[in-house]
Amino acid sequence: MAESNPAYVFFERALNKRRLSNRIAAVVVTLLSIVAVVWGLSEPGDRAMARMAAVGAFGLLFGPVVLGLSFRASKGLEAIGSPRRIVWFYGVGQARHVTGVMIGTGEGKLHKLPVPSLDEGPQALVLLRQVTTEATEGFSEERRLKFRAQPESLRTTTRAAS
């Protein structure tokens, strides 16, 4: 089913791109941390070098955690795989560009998904409109409050033709 869902394929591509960059960053941080620890411990008694070793030790904890998190399943992508679960969605961004979308499920959970590139932000919303025919689109404070109180109240039974 996921392969026939264009929104799923679109957001899977965006997540894979994000995961790859996170994995590369985690490996770089881990390698730099190893260098900092080894170098920092090379001069016993030097306080500056000891600080460098301490910072490196922190990086040795942080890098693998980020790497591990990059392998977790995305709840937002799972929701797009079952579009009936989605009751609300809206674009988020900066400087008039959609950089991601927020997806609200009937269970009351909000999930953020990235878009592959700034040029593809509008396409993300078009694809979500196509697959989530009963979901409310767009952010407002009123919708946020309705979602917090009763998520299913944002489900529409009919959608006006665009």
C-alpha atoms as a PDB file:
ATOM      1  CA  MET A   1       0.000   0.000   0.000  1.00  0.00           C
ATOM      2  CA  ALA A   2       2.808   2.428   0.847  1.00  0.00           C
ATOM      3  CA  GLU A   3       4.287   2.165  -2.645  1.00  0.00           C
ATOM      4  CA  SER A   4       0.966   3.211  -4.202  1.00  0.00           C
ATOM      5  CA  ASN A   5       0.693   6.209  -1.864  1.00  0.00           C
ATOM      6  CA  PRO A   6       2.562   9.134  -3.490  1.00  0.00           C
ATOM      7  CA  ALA A   7       2.674  11.078  -0.212  1.00  0.00           C
ATOM      8  CA  TYR A   8       4.334   8.142   1.544  1.00  0.00           C
ATOM      9  CA  VAL A   9       7.004   7.862  -1.156  1.00  0.00           C
ATOM     10  CA  PHE A  10       7.572  11.642  -1.063  1.00  0.00           C
ATOM     11  CA  PHE A  11       8.023  11.847   2.716  1.00  0.00           C
ATOM     12  CA  GLU A  12      10.042   8.638   2.846  1.00  0.00           C
ATOM     13  CA  ARG A  13      12.514  10.282   0.453  1.00  0.00           C
ATOM     14  CA  ALA A  14      12.659  13.375   2.683  1.00  0.00           C
ATOM     15  CA  LEU A  15      13.205  11.284   5.812  1.00  0.00           C
ATOM     16  CA  ASN A  16      15.918   9.216   4.161  1.00  0.00           C
ATOM     17  CA  LYS A  17      17.708  12.415   3.159  1.00  0.00           C
ATOM     18  CA  ARG A  18      17.443  13.777   6.724  1.00  0.00           C
ATOM     19  CA  ARG A  19      18.565  10.469   8.232  1.00  0.00           C
ATOM     20  CA  LEU A  20      21.611  10.319   5.971  1.00  0.00           C
ATOM     21  CA  SER A  21      22.732  13.804   6.987  1.00  0.00           C
ATOM     22  CA  ASN A  22      22.169  12.961  10.674  1.00  0.00           C
ATOM     23  CA  ARG A  23      24.202   9.762  10.328  1.00  0.00           C
ATOM     24  CA  ILE A  24      27.066  11.581   8.648  1.00  0.00           C
ATOM     25  CA  ALA A  25      27.027  14.258  11.355  1.00  0.00           C
ATOM     26  CA  ALA A  26      26.978  11.616  14.102  1.00  0.00           C
ATOM     27  CA  VAL A  27      29.988   9.816  12.632  1.00  0.00           C
ATOM     28  CA  VAL A  28      31.911  13.088  12.214  1.00  0.00           C
ATOM     29  CA  VAL A  29      31.129  14.141  15.809  1.00  0.00           C
ATOM     30  CA  THR A  30      32.199  10.732  17.107  1.00  0.00           C
ATOM     31  CA  LEU A  31      35.477  10.785  15.168  1.00  0.00           C
ATOM     32  CA  LEU A  32      36.278  14.352  16.254  1.00  0.00           C
ATOM     33  CA  SER A  33      35.451  13.373  19.830  1.00  0.00           C
ATOM     34  CA  ILE A  34      37.887  10.468  19.709  1.00  0.00           C
ATOM     35  CA  VAL A  35      40.585  12.842  18.451  1.00  0.00           C
ATOM     36  CA  ALA A  36      39.742  15.361  21.210  1.00  0.00           C
ATOM     37  CA  VAL A  37      39.927  12.709  23.941  1.00  0.00           C
ATOM     38  CA  VAL A  38      43.210  11.243  22.691  1.00  0.00           C
ATOM     39  CA  TRP A  39      44.772  14.654  22.174  1.00  0.00           C
ATOM     40  CA  GLY A  40      43.382  15.997  25.458  1.00  0.00           C
ATOM     41  CA  LEU A  41      44.853  13.083  27.413  1.00  0.00           C
ATOM     42  CA  SER A  42      48.240  13.396  25.716  1.00  0.00           C
ATOM     43  CA  GLU A  43      49.374  16.192  28.053  1.00  0.00           C
ATOM     44  CA  PRO A  44      48.712  15.106  31.655  1.00  0.00           C
ATOM     45  CA  GLY A  45      48.327  18.008  34.046  1.00  0.00           C
ATOM     46  CA  ASP A  46      47.395  20.609  31.402  1.00  0.00           C
ATOM     47  CA  ARG A  47      43.927  21.977  32.311  1.00  0.00           C
ATOM     48  CA  ALA A  48      43.084  23.136  28.779  1.00  0.00           C
ATOM     49  CA  MET A  49      43.875  19.692  27.412  1.00  0.00           C
ATOM     50  CA  ALA A  50      41.824  18.092  30.182  1.00  0.00           C
ATOM     51  CA  ARG A  51      38.850  20.270  29.178  1.00  0.00           C
ATOM     52  CA  MET A  52      39.305  19.167  25.575  1.00  0.00           C
ATOM     53  CA  ALA A  53      39.245  15.537  26.695  1.00  0.00           C
ATOM     54  CA  ALA A  54      36.057  16.208  28.701  1.00  0.00           C
ATOM     55  CA  VAL A  55      34.356  17.813  25.694  1.00  0.00           C
ATOM     56  CA  GLY A  56      35.483  14.891  23.572  1.00  0.00           C
ATOM     57  CA  ALA A  57      34.025  12.452  26.093  1.00  0.00           C
ATOM     58  CA  PHE A  58      30.682  14.243  25.862  1.00  0.00           C
ATOM     59  CA  GLY A  59      30.825  13.942  22.074  1.00  0.00           C
ATOM     60  CA  LEU A  60      31.515  10.227  22.433  1.00  0.00           C
ATOM     61  CA  LEU A  61      28.171   9.953  24.205  1.00  0.00           C
ATOM     62  CA  PHE A  62      26.268  12.340  21.943  1.00  0.00           C
ATOM     63  CA  GLY A  63      27.380  11.009  18.519  1.00  0.00           C
ATOM     64  CA  PRO A  64      26.235   7.403  19.003  1.00  0.00           C
ATOM     65  CA  VAL A  65      22.911   8.561  20.489  1.00  0.00           C
ATOM     66  CA  VAL A  66      22.189  10.685  17.396  1.00  0.00           C
ATOM     67  CA  LEU A  67      23.260   7.794  15.198  1.00  0.00           C
ATOM     68  CA  GLY A  68      20.932   5.401  17.014  1.00  0.00           C
ATOM     69  CA  LEU A  69      17.997   7.801  16.807  1.00  0.00           C
ATOM     70  CA  SER A  70      18.445   8.068  13.048  1.00  0.00           C
ATOM     71  CA  PHE A  71      17.406   4.414  12.737  1.00  0.00           C
ATOM     72  CA  ARG A  72      14.091   4.809  14.592  1.00  0.00           C
ATOM     73  CA  ALA A  73      10.851   4.409  12.690  1.00  0.00           C
ATOM     74  CA  SER A  74       8.970   7.616  11.943  1.00  0.00           C
ATOM     75  CA  LYS A  75       5.484   7.743  13.468  1.00  0.00           C
ATOM     76  CA  GLY A  76       4.565  10.489  11.006  1.00  0.00           C
ATOM     77  CA  LEU A  77       5.505   8.291   8.058  1.00  0.00           C
ATOM     78  CA  GLU A  78       3.511   5.440   9.577  1.00  0.00           C
ATOM     79  CA  ALA A  79       0.487   7.762   9.743  1.00  0.00           C
ATOM     80  CA  ILE A  80       0.877   8.710   6.079  1.00  0.00           C
ATOM     81  CA  GLY A  81       0.990   4.994   5.302  1.00  0.00           C
ATOM     82  CA  SER A  82      -2.491   4.818   6.876  1.00  0.00           C
ATOM     83  CA  PRO A  83      -3.971   8.177   5.828  1.00  0.00           C
ATOM     84  CA  ARG A  84      -7.341   7.494   7.510  1.00  0.00           C
ATOM     85  CA  ARG A  85      -5.543   8.057  10.832  1.00  0.00           C
ATOM     86  CA  ILE A  86      -4.776  11.687   9.912  1.00  0.00           C
ATOM     87  CA  VAL A  87      -7.313  14.286  11.044  1.00  0.00           C
ATOM     88  CA  TRP A  88      -5.281  17.488  10.661  1.00  0.00           C
ATOM     89  CA  PHE A  89      -2.219  18.717   8.794  1.00  0.00           C
ATOM     90  CA  TYR A  90      -0.499  21.995   8.094  1.00  0.00           C
ATOM     91  CA  GLY A  91       2.733  23.295   6.659  1.00  0.00           C
ATOM     92  CA  VAL A  92       5.479  24.775   8.811  1.00  0.00           C
ATOM     93  CA  GLY A  93       8.351  26.846   7.590  1.00  0.00           C
ATOM     94  CA  GLN A  94      10.235  30.046   7.536  1.00  0.00           C
ATOM     95  CA  ALA A  95      10.561  32.969   5.167  1.00  0.00           C
ATOM     96  CA  ARG A  96       7.546  31.872   3.075  1.00  0.00           C
ATOM     97  CA  HIS A  97       8.954  28.388   2.467  1.00  0.00           C
ATOM     98  CA  VAL A  98       7.362  25.160   3.653  1.00  0.00           C
ATOM     99  CA  THR A  99      10.180  23.235   5.331  1.00  0.00           C
ATOM    100  CA  GLY A 100       8.010  20.547   6.888  1.00  0.00           C
ATOM    101  CA  VAL A 101       4.500  19.471   7.711  1.00  0.00           C
ATOM    102  CA  MET A 102       2.769  18.711  10.965  1.00  0.00           C
ATOM    103  CA  ILE A 103       0.400  15.762  10.917  1.00  0.00           C
ATOM    104  CA  GLY A 104      -2.184  15.218  13.635  1.00  0.00           C
ATOM    105  CA  THR A 105      -3.698  11.780  14.131  1.00  0.00           C
ATOM    106  CA  GLY A 106      -7.025  10.784  15.615  1.00  0.00           C
ATOM    107  CA  GLU A 107      -5.128   9.503  18.665  1.00  0.00           C
ATOM    108  CA  GLY A 108      -4.114  13.084  19.470  1.00  0.00           C
ATOM    109  CA  LYS A 109      -0.475  12.794  18.417  1.00  0.00           C
ATOM    110  CA  LEU A 110       1.330  15.435  16.339  1.00  0.00           C
ATOM    111  CA  HIS A 111       4.216  14.387  14.110  1.00  0.00           C
ATOM    112  CA  LYS A 112       6.558  16.609  12.115  1.00  0.00           C
ATOM    113  CA  LEU A 113       7.907  15.466   8.774  1.00  0.00           C
ATOM    114  CA  PRO A 114      10.515  17.254   6.669  1.00  0.00           C
ATOM    115  CA  VAL A 115      10.206  17.996   2.963  1.00  0.00           C
ATOM    116  CA  PRO A 116      13.070  16.970   0.654  1.00  0.00           C
ATOM    117  CA  SER A 117      13.866  20.543  -0.442  1.00  0.00           C
ATOM    118  CA  LEU A 118      12.498  24.081  -0.202  1.00  0.00           C
ATOM    119  CA  ASP A 119      11.165  23.846  -3.761  1.00  0.00           C
ATOM    120  CA  GLU A 120       9.045  20.822  -2.875  1.00  0.00           C
ATOM    121  CA  GLY A 121       7.166  22.302   0.093  1.00  0.00           C
ATOM    122  CA  PRO A 122       4.001  23.155  -1.851  1.00  0.00           C
ATOM    123  CA  GLN A 123       4.019  19.681  -3.423  1.00  0.00           C
ATOM    124  CA  ALA A 124       3.993  18.159   0.073  1.00  0.00           C
ATOM    125  CA  LEU A 125       0.711  19.881   0.868  1.00  0.00           C
ATOM    126  CA  VAL A 126      -0.818  18.897  -2.478  1.00  0.00           C
ATOM    127  CA  LEU A 127       0.074  15.248  -1.871  1.00  0.00           C
ATOM    128  CA  LEU A 128      -1.375  15.328   1.629  1.00  0.00           C
ATOM    129  CA  ARG A 129      -4.622  16.812   0.301  1.00  0.00           C
ATOM    130  CA  GLN A 130      -4.861  13.926  -2.156  1.00  0.00           C
ATOM    131  CA  VAL A 131      -4.397  11.121   0.370  1.00  0.00           C
ATOM    132  CA  THR A 132      -6.064  12.612   3.476  1.00  0.00           C
ATOM    133  CA  THR A 133      -9.463  13.437   2.088  1.00  0.00           C
ATOM    134  CA  GLU A 134     -11.108  13.698   5.531  1.00  0.00           C
ATOM    135  CA  ALA A 135      -8.409  15.741   7.280  1.00  0.00           C
ATOM    136  CA  THR A 136      -8.610  19.433   8.094  1.00  0.00           C
ATOM    137  CA  GLU A 137      -5.854  21.491   6.480  1.00  0.00           C
ATOM    138  CA  GLY A 138      -4.207  24.579   7.905  1.00  0.00           C
ATOM    139  CA  PHE A 139      -3.180  25.907  11.286  1.00  0.00           C
ATOM    140  CA  SER A 140      -5.189  28.155  13.549  1.00  0.00           C
ATOM    141  CA  GLU A 141      -5.256  28.553  17.318  1.00  0.00           C
ATOM    142  CA  GLU A 142      -8.876  27.358  17.305  1.00  0.00           C
ATOM    143  CA  ARG A 143      -7.892  24.147  15.498  1.00  0.00           C
ATOM    144  CA  ARG A 144      -4.986  23.599  17.861  1.00  0.00           C
ATOM    145  CA  LEU A 145      -7.332  23.803  20.842  1.00  0.00           C
ATOM    146  CA  LYS A 146      -9.881  21.519  19.174  1.00  0.00           C
ATOM    147  CA  PHE A 147      -7.129  19.018  18.407  1.00  0.00           C
ATOM    148  CA  ARG A 148      -5.937  19.017  22.020  1.00  0.00           C
ATOM    149  CA  ALA A 149      -9.463  18.571  23.353  1.00  0.00           C
ATOM    150  CA  GLN A 150     -10.923  16.178  20.788  1.00  0.00           C
ATOM    151  CA  PRO A 151      -8.716  15.280  17.809  1.00  0.00           C
ATOM    152  CA  GLU A 152     -11.463  13.472  15.881  1.00  0.00           C
ATOM    153  CA  SER A 153     -13.475  16.715  15.789  1.00  0.00           C
ATOM    154  CA  LEU A 154     -11.116  17.905  13.041  1.00  0.00           C
ATOM    155  CA  ARG A 155     -12.087  15.042  10.741  1.00  0.00           C
ATOM    156  CA  THR A 156     -14.278  16.246   7.894  1.00  0.00           C
ATOM    157  CA  THR A 157     -16.893  14.000   6.340  1.00  0.00           C
ATOM    158  CA  THR A 158     -16.919  15.779   3.021  1.00  0.00           C
ATOM    159  CA  ARG A 159     -14.386  18.024   1.406  1.00  0.00           C
ATOM    160  CA  ALA A 160     -15.361  20.925  -0.778  1.00  0.00           C
ATOM    161  CA  ALA A 161     -14.097  20.554  -4.335  1.00  0.00           C
ATOM    162  CA  SER A 162     -11.090  22.725  -5.028  1.00  0.00           C
END
